[in-house]
C-alpha cells in the first residue's frame, strides 16, 4: 500500500515468526518474539489473526505459509527506509520473505460523490501476506507479475493480490473493496492514505480524527 513518503516516526523492527497453528475455523498463534517485542504488539498481531481467520481465503493463506519449509516473518513496524524514493508503510520484502506491518495503520480513500472508504490494519496484513502466499505457491509467476507494470495498480501482482485475496477477505469481514492499488490526488490535504486506528481490527480512528498521517 502506498502514500507519499516522509518520516514515519514509527517504531522499527520487532520480529514475529509466523508459526501459527489453525484448527478448523479458529486460530491459535504460536509466536517466537524477539526481546524487543512488547505485550501490546503481540496482542495486536493475535487480534488481527483471529479476526482474519473468519475468512476461508485468509485461512488458506495462513495455513499455506505455516506449512511451508520456508520461514516467513512478520515485523511489527515500518521497514527501515534505504532510499528517499521508498515509501513507508506496510510492505512485503520477497528477498527476505518478511512482512513489515504497522498494527495501527488503517488506509482510507474516497470514491464518487465524496464517499470515504476505509480498511483495517488487519486487512493490510493479509494483503502483504497474500504476496508471500503468491511467492510460496508460484514463485515464477510472482516474480513475473511484480515486473509487469500496470496503471493505477502499480503492477500485476498488486492487482492479483487485491482482487483475489484482499477483496475476498474484505467481503467476509464487511470491509471496503479496493478497485486499484495506487490512489493519487491533486490536492495536498486530500486525506487519502494511511491514518491511525484505535486497534488492528477497526477502521475507527484513534483520538477521534481521520487525519491522514504526514508520512
N, C-alpha and C. Protein backbone atom coordinates (compact mmCIF):
# COMPACT_ATOMS: atom_id res chain seq x y z
N UNK A 1 0.85 -1.18 0.00
CA UNK A 1 0.00 0.00 0.00
C UNK A 1 0.89 1.23 0.00
N UNK A 2 0.48 2.25 -0.71
CA UNK A 2 1.38 3.38 -0.91
C UNK A 2 0.73 4.71 -0.58
N UNK A 3 1.57 5.62 -0.07
CA UNK A 3 1.21 7.02 0.07
C UNK A 3 2.48 7.81 -0.15
N UNK A 4 2.41 9.12 0.09
CA UNK A 4 3.63 9.93 -0.09
C UNK A 4 4.61 9.72 1.04
N UNK A 5 5.90 9.83 0.73
CA UNK A 5 6.91 9.47 1.71
C UNK A 5 7.47 10.67 2.44
N UNK A 6 7.42 10.61 3.77
CA UNK A 6 8.17 11.49 4.65
C UNK A 6 8.63 10.63 5.81
N UNK A 7 8.92 11.24 6.95
CA UNK A 7 9.37 10.45 8.10
C UNK A 7 8.19 9.87 8.84
N UNK A 8 8.16 8.55 9.06
CA UNK A 8 7.03 7.91 9.73
C UNK A 8 7.03 8.14 11.22
N UNK A 9 8.18 8.14 11.83
CA UNK A 9 8.27 8.28 13.26
C UNK A 9 7.77 7.06 14.01
N UNK A 10 7.54 5.93 13.32
CA UNK A 10 7.03 4.74 13.98
C UNK A 10 8.17 3.83 14.38
N UNK A 11 7.91 2.94 15.34
CA UNK A 11 8.92 2.02 15.84
C UNK A 11 9.29 0.99 14.77
N UNK A 12 10.56 0.63 14.72
CA UNK A 12 11.04 -0.33 13.73
C UNK A 12 11.42 -1.65 14.39
N UNK A 13 11.31 -2.71 13.59
CA UNK A 13 11.97 -4.00 13.82
C UNK A 13 11.63 -4.73 15.11
N UNK A 14 10.38 -5.08 15.29
CA UNK A 14 10.01 -6.07 16.29
C UNK A 14 9.60 -7.31 15.51
N UNK A 15 10.41 -8.35 15.54
CA UNK A 15 10.20 -9.51 14.67
C UNK A 15 9.26 -10.52 15.31
N UNK A 16 8.33 -11.02 14.50
CA UNK A 16 7.42 -12.08 14.94
C UNK A 16 7.51 -13.20 13.92
N UNK A 17 7.91 -14.38 14.36
CA UNK A 17 7.99 -15.52 13.47
C UNK A 17 6.61 -16.11 13.31
N UNK A 18 6.14 -16.21 12.05
CA UNK A 18 4.80 -16.70 11.78
C UNK A 18 4.80 -18.23 11.84
N UNK A 19 4.37 -18.76 12.97
CA UNK A 19 4.29 -20.21 13.12
C UNK A 19 2.93 -20.57 13.70
N UNK A 20 1.89 -19.96 13.17
CA UNK A 20 0.55 -20.14 13.71
C UNK A 20 -0.01 -21.52 13.38
N UNK A 21 -0.78 -22.08 14.30
CA UNK A 21 -1.47 -23.33 14.10
C UNK A 21 -2.96 -23.06 14.00
N UNK A 22 -3.61 -23.59 12.96
CA UNK A 22 -5.02 -23.32 12.74
C UNK A 22 -5.83 -24.59 12.90
N UNK A 23 -6.85 -24.51 13.73
CA UNK A 23 -7.72 -25.64 13.98
C UNK A 23 -9.13 -25.26 13.55
N UNK A 24 -9.66 -25.97 12.54
CA UNK A 24 -10.99 -25.67 11.98
C UNK A 24 -11.02 -24.20 11.59
N UNK A 25 -12.00 -23.45 12.13
CA UNK A 25 -12.13 -22.05 11.72
C UNK A 25 -11.47 -21.10 12.71
N UNK A 26 -10.82 -21.62 13.74
CA UNK A 26 -10.20 -20.74 14.72
C UNK A 26 -8.69 -20.78 14.58
N UNK A 27 -8.05 -19.76 15.12
CA UNK A 27 -6.60 -19.68 15.02
C UNK A 27 -5.97 -19.60 16.39
N UNK A 28 -4.89 -20.33 16.59
CA UNK A 28 -4.10 -20.24 17.82
C UNK A 28 -2.69 -19.88 17.40
N UNK A 29 -2.29 -18.68 17.71
CA UNK A 29 -0.99 -18.20 17.24
C UNK A 29 0.12 -18.62 18.19
N UNK A 30 1.10 -19.36 17.68
CA UNK A 30 2.30 -19.73 18.42
C UNK A 30 3.43 -18.87 17.87
N UNK A 31 3.88 -17.90 18.64
CA UNK A 31 4.80 -16.89 18.15
C UNK A 31 6.14 -16.96 18.84
N UNK A 32 7.19 -16.75 18.07
CA UNK A 32 8.53 -16.58 18.62
C UNK A 32 8.87 -15.11 18.44
N UNK A 33 8.96 -14.40 19.56
CA UNK A 33 9.20 -12.96 19.52
C UNK A 33 10.63 -12.64 19.92
N UNK A 34 11.19 -11.61 19.33
CA UNK A 34 12.50 -11.19 19.81
C UNK A 34 12.31 -10.40 21.12
N UNK A 35 13.38 -10.10 21.78
CA UNK A 35 13.29 -9.49 23.11
C UNK A 35 12.68 -8.10 23.09
N UNK A 36 12.65 -7.46 21.91
CA UNK A 36 12.11 -6.11 21.83
C UNK A 36 10.59 -6.09 21.72
N UNK A 37 9.98 -7.25 21.51
CA UNK A 37 8.52 -7.30 21.32
C UNK A 37 7.80 -6.95 22.60
N UNK A 38 6.80 -6.09 22.46
CA UNK A 38 6.01 -5.72 23.62
C UNK A 38 4.75 -6.58 23.71
N UNK A 39 4.16 -6.59 24.87
CA UNK A 39 2.93 -7.34 25.07
C UNK A 39 1.82 -6.82 24.17
N UNK A 40 1.75 -5.51 24.01
CA UNK A 40 0.69 -4.92 23.19
C UNK A 40 0.86 -5.25 21.70
N UNK A 41 2.10 -5.34 21.23
CA UNK A 41 2.35 -5.69 19.84
C UNK A 41 1.96 -7.14 19.56
N UNK A 42 2.30 -8.03 20.47
CA UNK A 42 1.90 -9.41 20.32
C UNK A 42 0.38 -9.54 20.34
N UNK A 43 -0.26 -8.80 21.22
CA UNK A 43 -1.73 -8.84 21.32
C UNK A 43 -2.38 -8.33 20.04
N UNK A 44 -1.81 -7.28 19.45
CA UNK A 44 -2.36 -6.73 18.21
C UNK A 44 -2.27 -7.73 17.07
N UNK A 45 -1.14 -8.43 16.98
CA UNK A 45 -0.98 -9.44 15.94
C UNK A 45 -1.96 -10.59 16.13
N UNK A 46 -2.07 -11.08 17.36
CA UNK A 46 -3.02 -12.16 17.66
C UNK A 46 -4.45 -11.75 17.35
N UNK A 47 -4.78 -10.51 17.69
CA UNK A 47 -6.11 -9.99 17.41
C UNK A 47 -6.39 -9.98 15.91
N UNK A 48 -5.39 -9.54 15.14
CA UNK A 48 -5.55 -9.50 13.68
C UNK A 48 -5.72 -10.90 13.10
N UNK A 49 -4.93 -11.87 13.58
CA UNK A 49 -5.02 -13.25 13.09
C UNK A 49 -6.40 -13.84 13.40
N UNK A 50 -6.88 -13.64 14.61
CA UNK A 50 -8.21 -14.14 14.98
C UNK A 50 -9.29 -13.54 14.10
N UNK A 51 -9.19 -12.25 13.86
CA UNK A 51 -10.16 -11.54 13.02
C UNK A 51 -10.13 -12.05 11.58
N UNK A 52 -8.95 -12.16 11.02
CA UNK A 52 -8.81 -12.59 9.63
C UNK A 52 -9.25 -14.04 9.43
N UNK A 53 -9.11 -14.84 10.46
CA UNK A 53 -9.42 -16.27 10.35
C UNK A 53 -10.90 -16.56 10.21
N UNK A 54 -11.72 -15.55 10.27
CA UNK A 54 -13.14 -15.71 9.96
C UNK A 54 -13.34 -15.96 8.47
N UNK A 55 -12.33 -15.62 7.68
CA UNK A 55 -12.38 -15.79 6.23
C UNK A 55 -11.66 -17.06 5.81
N UNK A 56 -12.31 -17.88 4.98
CA UNK A 56 -11.68 -19.11 4.48
C UNK A 56 -10.49 -18.78 3.58
N UNK A 57 -10.57 -17.67 2.86
CA UNK A 57 -9.45 -17.27 2.00
C UNK A 57 -8.24 -16.92 2.85
N UNK A 58 -8.45 -16.17 3.92
CA UNK A 58 -7.35 -15.81 4.81
C UNK A 58 -6.76 -17.06 5.47
N UNK A 59 -7.62 -17.98 5.87
CA UNK A 59 -7.12 -19.21 6.50
C UNK A 59 -6.25 -20.01 5.54
N UNK A 60 -6.63 -20.05 4.27
CA UNK A 60 -5.82 -20.76 3.28
C UNK A 60 -4.44 -20.13 3.16
N UNK A 61 -4.39 -18.79 3.12
CA UNK A 61 -3.11 -18.09 3.04
C UNK A 61 -2.25 -18.42 4.26
N UNK A 62 -2.83 -18.31 5.43
CA UNK A 62 -2.08 -18.52 6.67
C UNK A 62 -1.63 -19.97 6.83
N UNK A 63 -2.50 -20.89 6.50
CA UNK A 63 -2.16 -22.31 6.60
C UNK A 63 -1.06 -22.70 5.62
N UNK A 64 -1.11 -22.15 4.43
CA UNK A 64 -0.08 -22.44 3.42
C UNK A 64 1.29 -21.95 3.88
N UNK A 65 1.34 -20.75 4.43
CA UNK A 65 2.61 -20.22 4.92
C UNK A 65 3.09 -21.01 6.13
N UNK A 66 2.16 -21.44 6.96
CA UNK A 66 2.54 -22.23 8.14
C UNK A 66 3.15 -23.57 7.74
N UNK A 67 2.65 -24.18 6.68
CA UNK A 67 3.13 -25.49 6.24
C UNK A 67 4.43 -25.41 5.44
N UNK A 68 4.82 -24.21 5.04
CA UNK A 68 5.98 -24.04 4.17
C UNK A 68 7.28 -24.47 4.86
N UNK A 69 8.22 -24.92 4.04
CA UNK A 69 9.56 -25.19 4.56
C UNK A 69 10.39 -23.90 4.61
N UNK A 70 9.86 -22.83 4.00
CA UNK A 70 10.49 -21.52 4.09
C UNK A 70 10.04 -20.82 5.37
N UNK A 71 10.80 -19.85 5.83
CA UNK A 71 10.45 -19.07 7.00
C UNK A 71 9.89 -17.72 6.55
N UNK A 72 8.67 -17.41 6.99
CA UNK A 72 8.05 -16.12 6.71
C UNK A 72 7.92 -15.37 8.02
N UNK A 73 8.42 -14.15 8.04
CA UNK A 73 8.39 -13.36 9.26
C UNK A 73 7.46 -12.17 9.10
N UNK A 74 6.86 -11.78 10.22
CA UNK A 74 6.12 -10.53 10.30
C UNK A 74 6.86 -9.64 11.27
N UNK A 75 7.25 -8.47 10.81
CA UNK A 75 7.94 -7.50 11.66
C UNK A 75 6.97 -6.38 11.99
N UNK A 76 6.80 -6.12 13.27
CA UNK A 76 5.93 -5.03 13.69
C UNK A 76 6.68 -3.72 13.57
N UNK A 77 6.25 -2.90 12.65
CA UNK A 77 6.91 -1.62 12.40
C UNK A 77 7.23 -1.45 10.94
N UNK A 78 7.65 -0.27 10.58
CA UNK A 78 7.98 0.04 9.19
C UNK A 78 9.36 -0.49 8.83
N UNK A 79 9.52 -0.88 7.58
CA UNK A 79 10.84 -1.32 7.12
C UNK A 79 11.79 -0.13 7.12
N UNK A 80 13.01 -0.30 7.62
CA UNK A 80 13.99 0.79 7.54
C UNK A 80 14.13 1.26 6.10
N UNK A 81 13.98 2.54 5.87
CA UNK A 81 13.99 3.09 4.51
C UNK A 81 15.43 3.19 4.01
N UNK A 82 15.66 2.55 2.87
CA UNK A 82 17.01 2.51 2.32
C UNK A 82 17.28 3.64 1.34
N UNK A 83 16.22 4.29 0.84
CA UNK A 83 16.41 5.39 -0.10
C UNK A 83 15.25 6.37 0.04
N UNK A 84 15.44 7.57 -0.45
CA UNK A 84 14.40 8.60 -0.35
C UNK A 84 13.22 8.30 -1.26
N UNK A 85 13.40 7.36 -2.20
CA UNK A 85 12.31 7.01 -3.12
C UNK A 85 11.36 5.98 -2.51
N UNK A 86 11.77 5.31 -1.46
CA UNK A 86 10.95 4.26 -0.87
C UNK A 86 9.89 4.86 0.03
N UNK A 87 8.68 4.33 -0.05
CA UNK A 87 7.57 4.84 0.73
C UNK A 87 7.34 3.99 1.97
N UNK A 88 7.17 4.63 3.13
CA UNK A 88 6.96 3.88 4.37
C UNK A 88 5.56 3.30 4.45
N UNK A 89 5.39 2.30 5.30
CA UNK A 89 4.08 1.68 5.48
C UNK A 89 4.19 0.18 5.40
N UNK A 90 3.05 -0.48 5.26
CA UNK A 90 3.05 -1.94 5.15
C UNK A 90 3.69 -2.38 3.84
N UNK A 91 4.51 -3.42 3.91
CA UNK A 91 5.20 -3.87 2.70
C UNK A 91 5.67 -5.31 2.88
N UNK A 92 5.75 -6.05 1.77
CA UNK A 92 6.34 -7.39 1.78
C UNK A 92 7.65 -7.35 1.03
N UNK A 93 8.69 -7.89 1.65
CA UNK A 93 10.01 -7.96 1.03
C UNK A 93 10.25 -9.41 0.60
N UNK A 94 10.14 -9.72 -0.69
CA UNK A 94 10.30 -11.10 -1.16
C UNK A 94 11.72 -11.62 -1.01
N UNK A 95 12.69 -10.74 -0.98
CA UNK A 95 14.09 -11.17 -0.86
C UNK A 95 14.35 -11.82 0.49
N UNK A 96 13.68 -11.35 1.53
CA UNK A 96 13.88 -11.89 2.88
C UNK A 96 12.63 -12.61 3.39
N UNK A 97 11.58 -12.66 2.57
CA UNK A 97 10.30 -13.27 2.96
C UNK A 97 9.78 -12.65 4.27
N UNK A 98 9.81 -11.32 4.30
CA UNK A 98 9.43 -10.60 5.52
C UNK A 98 8.31 -9.60 5.23
N UNK A 99 7.29 -9.64 6.08
CA UNK A 99 6.21 -8.65 6.03
C UNK A 99 6.49 -7.60 7.11
N UNK A 100 6.46 -6.33 6.71
CA UNK A 100 6.54 -5.22 7.66
C UNK A 100 5.13 -4.67 7.81
N UNK A 101 4.64 -4.68 9.03
CA UNK A 101 3.23 -4.33 9.27
C UNK A 101 3.11 -3.42 10.48
N UNK A 102 2.29 -2.38 10.33
CA UNK A 102 2.04 -1.43 11.41
C UNK A 102 0.60 -1.62 11.87
N UNK A 103 0.37 -2.16 13.07
CA UNK A 103 -0.97 -2.56 13.51
C UNK A 103 -1.94 -1.44 13.82
N UNK A 104 -1.50 -0.19 13.66
CA UNK A 104 -2.42 0.93 13.84
C UNK A 104 -2.51 1.78 12.57
N UNK A 105 -2.13 1.21 11.44
CA UNK A 105 -2.22 1.93 10.17
C UNK A 105 -3.42 1.42 9.37
N UNK A 106 -4.53 2.18 9.43
CA UNK A 106 -5.63 1.93 8.53
C UNK A 106 -5.36 2.67 7.22
N UNK A 107 -6.15 2.38 6.22
CA UNK A 107 -5.98 3.06 4.93
C UNK A 107 -7.34 3.59 4.48
N UNK A 108 -7.35 4.83 3.96
CA UNK A 108 -8.60 5.43 3.54
C UNK A 108 -8.45 6.10 2.18
N UNK A 109 -9.55 6.08 1.44
CA UNK A 109 -9.60 6.73 0.13
C UNK A 109 -11.03 7.17 -0.11
N UNK A 110 -11.21 7.95 -1.14
CA UNK A 110 -12.53 8.50 -1.41
C UNK A 110 -13.00 8.02 -2.78
N UNK A 111 -14.28 7.67 -2.87
CA UNK A 111 -14.87 7.25 -4.14
C UNK A 111 -15.82 8.34 -4.63
N UNK A 112 -16.61 8.03 -5.66
CA UNK A 112 -17.54 9.01 -6.21
C UNK A 112 -18.48 9.58 -5.17
N UNK A 113 -18.93 10.80 -5.41
CA UNK A 113 -19.84 11.50 -4.50
C UNK A 113 -19.20 11.73 -3.13
N UNK A 114 -17.86 11.80 -3.11
CA UNK A 114 -17.11 12.12 -1.89
C UNK A 114 -17.40 11.15 -0.75
N UNK A 115 -17.55 9.88 -1.07
CA UNK A 115 -17.81 8.86 -0.05
C UNK A 115 -16.50 8.21 0.36
N UNK A 116 -16.21 8.28 1.66
CA UNK A 116 -14.95 7.74 2.17
C UNK A 116 -15.03 6.24 2.38
N UNK A 117 -13.97 5.55 2.01
CA UNK A 117 -13.83 4.11 2.22
C UNK A 117 -12.61 3.88 3.11
N UNK A 118 -12.71 2.90 4.02
CA UNK A 118 -11.60 2.64 4.93
C UNK A 118 -11.44 1.14 5.15
N UNK A 119 -10.19 0.71 5.33
CA UNK A 119 -9.92 -0.69 5.65
C UNK A 119 -9.05 -0.76 6.91
N UNK A 120 -9.16 -1.88 7.62
CA UNK A 120 -8.45 -2.06 8.88
C UNK A 120 -6.98 -2.40 8.66
N UNK A 121 -6.16 -2.18 9.68
CA UNK A 121 -4.77 -2.65 9.60
C UNK A 121 -4.68 -4.16 9.38
N UNK A 122 -5.63 -4.92 9.93
CA UNK A 122 -5.62 -6.37 9.73
C UNK A 122 -5.74 -6.74 8.26
N UNK A 123 -6.58 -6.01 7.53
CA UNK A 123 -6.72 -6.29 6.10
C UNK A 123 -5.42 -5.95 5.38
N UNK A 124 -4.74 -4.92 5.86
CA UNK A 124 -3.42 -4.61 5.30
C UNK A 124 -2.43 -5.74 5.54
N UNK A 125 -2.56 -6.42 6.68
CA UNK A 125 -1.68 -7.55 6.97
C UNK A 125 -1.93 -8.70 6.01
N UNK A 126 -3.19 -9.06 5.77
CA UNK A 126 -3.46 -10.19 4.87
C UNK A 126 -3.08 -9.83 3.44
N UNK A 127 -3.15 -8.56 3.09
CA UNK A 127 -2.69 -8.13 1.76
C UNK A 127 -1.20 -8.47 1.59
N UNK A 128 -0.39 -8.08 2.58
CA UNK A 128 1.05 -8.34 2.46
C UNK A 128 1.35 -9.84 2.55
N UNK A 129 0.63 -10.55 3.41
CA UNK A 129 0.80 -12.00 3.48
C UNK A 129 0.34 -12.67 2.19
N UNK A 130 -0.58 -12.01 1.48
CA UNK A 130 -1.01 -12.51 0.18
C UNK A 130 0.13 -12.53 -0.82
N UNK A 131 1.00 -11.52 -0.76
CA UNK A 131 2.17 -11.52 -1.63
C UNK A 131 3.08 -12.70 -1.28
N UNK A 132 3.23 -12.95 0.02
CA UNK A 132 4.04 -14.09 0.46
C UNK A 132 3.43 -15.41 -0.03
N UNK A 133 2.12 -15.50 0.03
CA UNK A 133 1.40 -16.69 -0.43
C UNK A 133 1.66 -16.92 -1.92
N UNK A 134 1.62 -15.87 -2.71
CA UNK A 134 1.88 -16.00 -4.15
C UNK A 134 3.32 -16.42 -4.42
N UNK A 135 4.25 -15.86 -3.66
CA UNK A 135 5.65 -16.27 -3.84
C UNK A 135 5.83 -17.73 -3.45
N UNK A 136 5.15 -18.16 -2.40
CA UNK A 136 5.27 -19.53 -1.93
C UNK A 136 4.68 -20.53 -2.92
N UNK A 137 3.51 -20.21 -3.48
CA UNK A 137 2.79 -21.17 -4.31
C UNK A 137 3.21 -21.15 -5.77
N UNK A 138 3.72 -20.00 -6.25
CA UNK A 138 4.16 -19.92 -7.65
C UNK A 138 5.20 -18.82 -7.77
N UNK A 139 6.44 -19.09 -7.35
CA UNK A 139 7.46 -18.04 -7.33
C UNK A 139 7.79 -17.45 -8.70
N UNK A 140 7.70 -18.26 -9.75
CA UNK A 140 8.00 -17.76 -11.10
C UNK A 140 6.96 -16.73 -11.51
N UNK A 141 5.68 -17.06 -11.32
CA UNK A 141 4.63 -16.10 -11.66
C UNK A 141 4.70 -14.87 -10.78
N UNK A 142 4.97 -15.06 -9.49
CA UNK A 142 5.07 -13.92 -8.58
C UNK A 142 6.11 -12.92 -9.06
N UNK A 143 7.29 -13.42 -9.40
CA UNK A 143 8.35 -12.53 -9.87
C UNK A 143 7.97 -11.84 -11.17
N UNK A 144 7.36 -12.59 -12.08
CA UNK A 144 6.95 -12.02 -13.36
C UNK A 144 5.88 -10.96 -13.17
N UNK A 145 4.89 -11.24 -12.32
CA UNK A 145 3.80 -10.29 -12.08
C UNK A 145 4.30 -9.01 -11.41
N UNK A 146 5.32 -9.14 -10.55
CA UNK A 146 5.88 -7.95 -9.90
C UNK A 146 6.54 -7.01 -10.91
N UNK A 147 7.02 -7.57 -12.00
CA UNK A 147 7.69 -6.78 -13.03
C UNK A 147 6.73 -6.24 -14.09
N UNK A 148 5.49 -6.72 -14.08
CA UNK A 148 4.50 -6.34 -15.09
C UNK A 148 3.75 -5.10 -14.62
N UNK A 149 4.20 -3.92 -15.04
CA UNK A 149 3.66 -2.66 -14.57
C UNK A 149 2.25 -2.42 -15.13
N UNK A 150 1.39 -1.84 -14.27
CA UNK A 150 0.01 -1.56 -14.67
C UNK A 150 -0.43 -0.22 -14.08
N UNK A 151 -1.10 0.58 -14.89
CA UNK A 151 -1.60 1.86 -14.45
C UNK A 151 -2.61 1.68 -13.32
N UNK A 152 -2.50 2.48 -12.29
CA UNK A 152 -3.33 2.50 -11.07
C UNK A 152 -3.13 1.30 -10.14
N UNK A 153 -2.61 0.20 -10.68
CA UNK A 153 -2.36 -0.98 -9.85
C UNK A 153 -0.90 -1.09 -9.44
N UNK A 154 -0.04 -0.33 -10.06
CA UNK A 154 1.42 -0.41 -9.91
C UNK A 154 1.98 -1.61 -10.66
N UNK A 155 1.49 -2.80 -10.36
CA UNK A 155 1.91 -3.98 -11.12
C UNK A 155 0.85 -5.07 -11.02
N UNK A 156 1.02 -6.12 -11.82
CA UNK A 156 0.01 -7.18 -11.88
C UNK A 156 -0.09 -7.96 -10.56
N UNK A 157 1.00 -8.05 -9.84
CA UNK A 157 0.97 -8.75 -8.55
C UNK A 157 0.07 -8.01 -7.55
N UNK A 158 0.13 -6.68 -7.55
CA UNK A 158 -0.74 -5.91 -6.66
C UNK A 158 -2.21 -6.11 -7.04
N UNK A 159 -2.49 -6.08 -8.34
CA UNK A 159 -3.87 -6.27 -8.79
C UNK A 159 -4.39 -7.65 -8.39
N UNK A 160 -3.57 -8.66 -8.63
CA UNK A 160 -3.97 -10.02 -8.30
C UNK A 160 -4.21 -10.19 -6.80
N UNK A 161 -3.32 -9.64 -6.00
CA UNK A 161 -3.45 -9.77 -4.55
C UNK A 161 -4.69 -9.06 -4.02
N UNK A 162 -4.97 -7.88 -4.55
CA UNK A 162 -6.15 -7.15 -4.11
C UNK A 162 -7.42 -7.86 -4.55
N UNK A 163 -7.48 -8.27 -5.81
CA UNK A 163 -8.72 -8.87 -6.32
C UNK A 163 -8.96 -10.28 -5.81
N UNK A 164 -7.91 -11.09 -5.68
CA UNK A 164 -8.09 -12.49 -5.35
C UNK A 164 -7.98 -12.80 -3.86
N UNK A 165 -7.32 -11.93 -3.11
CA UNK A 165 -7.14 -12.20 -1.68
C UNK A 165 -7.76 -11.09 -0.83
N UNK A 166 -7.22 -9.87 -0.91
CA UNK A 166 -7.69 -8.79 -0.04
C UNK A 166 -9.19 -8.57 -0.14
N UNK A 167 -9.70 -8.41 -1.36
CA UNK A 167 -11.13 -8.12 -1.52
C UNK A 167 -12.01 -9.30 -1.14
N UNK A 168 -11.54 -10.51 -1.36
CA UNK A 168 -12.32 -11.69 -0.96
C UNK A 168 -12.43 -11.78 0.56
N UNK A 169 -11.34 -11.47 1.24
CA UNK A 169 -11.37 -11.43 2.71
C UNK A 169 -12.26 -10.28 3.17
N UNK A 170 -12.14 -9.14 2.51
CA UNK A 170 -12.94 -7.96 2.87
C UNK A 170 -14.44 -8.24 2.77
N UNK A 171 -14.84 -9.01 1.78
CA UNK A 171 -16.26 -9.34 1.62
C UNK A 171 -16.78 -10.09 2.84
N UNK A 172 -16.00 -11.05 3.33
CA UNK A 172 -16.40 -11.82 4.50
C UNK A 172 -16.47 -10.94 5.75
N UNK A 173 -15.54 -10.00 5.85
CA UNK A 173 -15.43 -9.16 7.04
C UNK A 173 -16.20 -7.84 6.92
N UNK A 174 -16.94 -7.68 5.80
CA UNK A 174 -17.73 -6.47 5.57
C UNK A 174 -16.87 -5.20 5.57
N UNK A 175 -15.72 -5.30 4.94
CA UNK A 175 -14.86 -4.13 4.78
C UNK A 175 -14.96 -3.60 3.35
N UNK A 176 -14.42 -2.42 3.14
CA UNK A 176 -14.45 -1.80 1.82
C UNK A 176 -13.58 -2.56 0.83
N UNK A 177 -13.97 -2.49 -0.45
CA UNK A 177 -13.23 -3.16 -1.52
C UNK A 177 -12.44 -2.14 -2.32
N UNK A 178 -11.20 -2.47 -2.59
CA UNK A 178 -10.38 -1.56 -3.40
C UNK A 178 -10.48 -1.92 -4.87
N UNK A 179 -10.52 -0.90 -5.71
CA UNK A 179 -10.60 -1.07 -7.17
C UNK A 179 -9.29 -0.69 -7.84
N UNK A 180 -8.29 -0.34 -7.06
CA UNK A 180 -6.97 -0.03 -7.56
C UNK A 180 -6.01 -0.08 -6.39
N UNK A 181 -4.72 0.01 -6.67
CA UNK A 181 -3.72 -0.06 -5.61
C UNK A 181 -3.18 1.31 -5.25
N UNK A 182 -2.82 2.07 -6.24
CA UNK A 182 -2.16 3.35 -6.01
C UNK A 182 -3.17 4.49 -6.17
N UNK A 183 -3.56 5.08 -5.04
CA UNK A 183 -4.51 6.19 -5.08
C UNK A 183 -3.72 7.50 -5.08
N UNK A 184 -4.02 8.34 -6.05
CA UNK A 184 -3.33 9.62 -6.16
C UNK A 184 -4.36 10.75 -6.09
N UNK A 185 -3.89 11.91 -5.76
CA UNK A 185 -4.77 13.07 -5.68
C UNK A 185 -4.00 14.32 -6.04
N UNK A 186 -4.70 15.30 -6.55
CA UNK A 186 -4.07 16.56 -6.90
C UNK A 186 -4.09 17.53 -5.73
N UNK A 187 -4.80 17.18 -4.64
CA UNK A 187 -4.94 18.08 -3.51
C UNK A 187 -3.96 17.71 -2.40
N UNK A 188 -3.28 18.71 -1.85
CA UNK A 188 -2.28 18.50 -0.82
C UNK A 188 -2.88 17.87 0.43
N UNK A 189 -4.06 18.34 0.85
CA UNK A 189 -4.67 17.88 2.09
C UNK A 189 -5.92 17.04 1.81
N UNK A 190 -5.80 16.11 0.89
CA UNK A 190 -6.95 15.31 0.49
C UNK A 190 -7.40 14.34 1.57
N UNK A 191 -6.48 13.89 2.43
CA UNK A 191 -6.80 12.90 3.45
C UNK A 191 -6.62 11.47 2.98
N UNK A 192 -6.38 11.25 1.70
CA UNK A 192 -6.20 9.90 1.17
C UNK A 192 -4.86 9.34 1.67
N UNK A 193 -4.89 8.11 2.18
CA UNK A 193 -3.66 7.48 2.65
C UNK A 193 -3.84 6.80 3.99
N UNK A 194 -2.72 6.57 4.69
CA UNK A 194 -2.76 5.92 5.99
C UNK A 194 -3.26 6.88 7.07
N UNK A 195 -3.92 6.32 8.08
CA UNK A 195 -4.31 7.10 9.25
C UNK A 195 -4.25 6.17 10.46
N UNK A 196 -4.16 6.74 11.66
CA UNK A 196 -4.07 5.94 12.87
C UNK A 196 -5.44 5.41 13.28
N UNK A 197 -5.51 4.10 13.56
CA UNK A 197 -6.74 3.48 14.01
C UNK A 197 -6.65 3.18 15.51
N UNK A 198 -7.82 2.93 16.11
CA UNK A 198 -7.88 2.63 17.54
C UNK A 198 -7.32 1.24 17.84
N UNK A 199 -7.39 0.32 16.86
CA UNK A 199 -6.85 -1.03 17.04
C UNK A 199 -6.57 -1.64 15.68
N UNK A 200 -6.06 -2.88 15.69
CA UNK A 200 -5.71 -3.56 14.44
C UNK A 200 -6.91 -4.03 13.65
N UNK A 201 -8.07 -4.10 14.29
CA UNK A 201 -9.24 -4.70 13.64
C UNK A 201 -10.42 -3.74 13.50
N UNK A 202 -10.16 -2.46 13.58
CA UNK A 202 -11.22 -1.49 13.41
C UNK A 202 -10.79 -0.39 12.46
N UNK A 203 -11.78 0.25 11.81
CA UNK A 203 -11.48 1.43 10.99
C UNK A 203 -11.70 2.70 11.80
N UNK A 204 -12.15 2.54 13.03
CA UNK A 204 -12.35 3.70 13.89
C UNK A 204 -11.02 4.41 14.14
N UNK A 205 -11.02 5.70 13.95
CA UNK A 205 -9.78 6.45 14.09
C UNK A 205 -9.39 6.60 15.55
N UNK A 206 -8.10 6.54 15.79
CA UNK A 206 -7.59 6.83 17.13
C UNK A 206 -7.77 8.32 17.41
N UNK A 207 -8.10 8.66 18.63
CA UNK A 207 -8.26 10.05 19.05
C UNK A 207 -9.36 10.79 18.28
N UNK A 208 -10.24 10.01 17.65
CA UNK A 208 -11.40 10.63 17.01
C UNK A 208 -11.11 11.42 15.76
N UNK A 209 -9.93 11.29 15.17
CA UNK A 209 -9.63 12.05 13.96
C UNK A 209 -9.18 11.12 12.84
N UNK A 210 -9.68 11.38 11.64
CA UNK A 210 -9.31 10.58 10.47
C UNK A 210 -8.22 11.30 9.67
N UNK A 211 -7.51 12.20 10.31
CA UNK A 211 -6.48 12.95 9.60
C UNK A 211 -5.44 12.02 9.03
N UNK A 212 -5.08 12.27 7.79
CA UNK A 212 -4.06 11.46 7.12
C UNK A 212 -2.73 11.66 7.81
N UNK A 213 -1.97 10.56 7.96
CA UNK A 213 -0.65 10.65 8.56
C UNK A 213 0.28 11.42 7.66
N UNK A 214 1.11 12.27 8.25
CA UNK A 214 2.07 13.06 7.49
C UNK A 214 3.34 12.23 7.31
N UNK A 215 3.28 11.29 6.34
CA UNK A 215 4.42 10.38 6.17
C UNK A 215 5.00 10.49 4.78
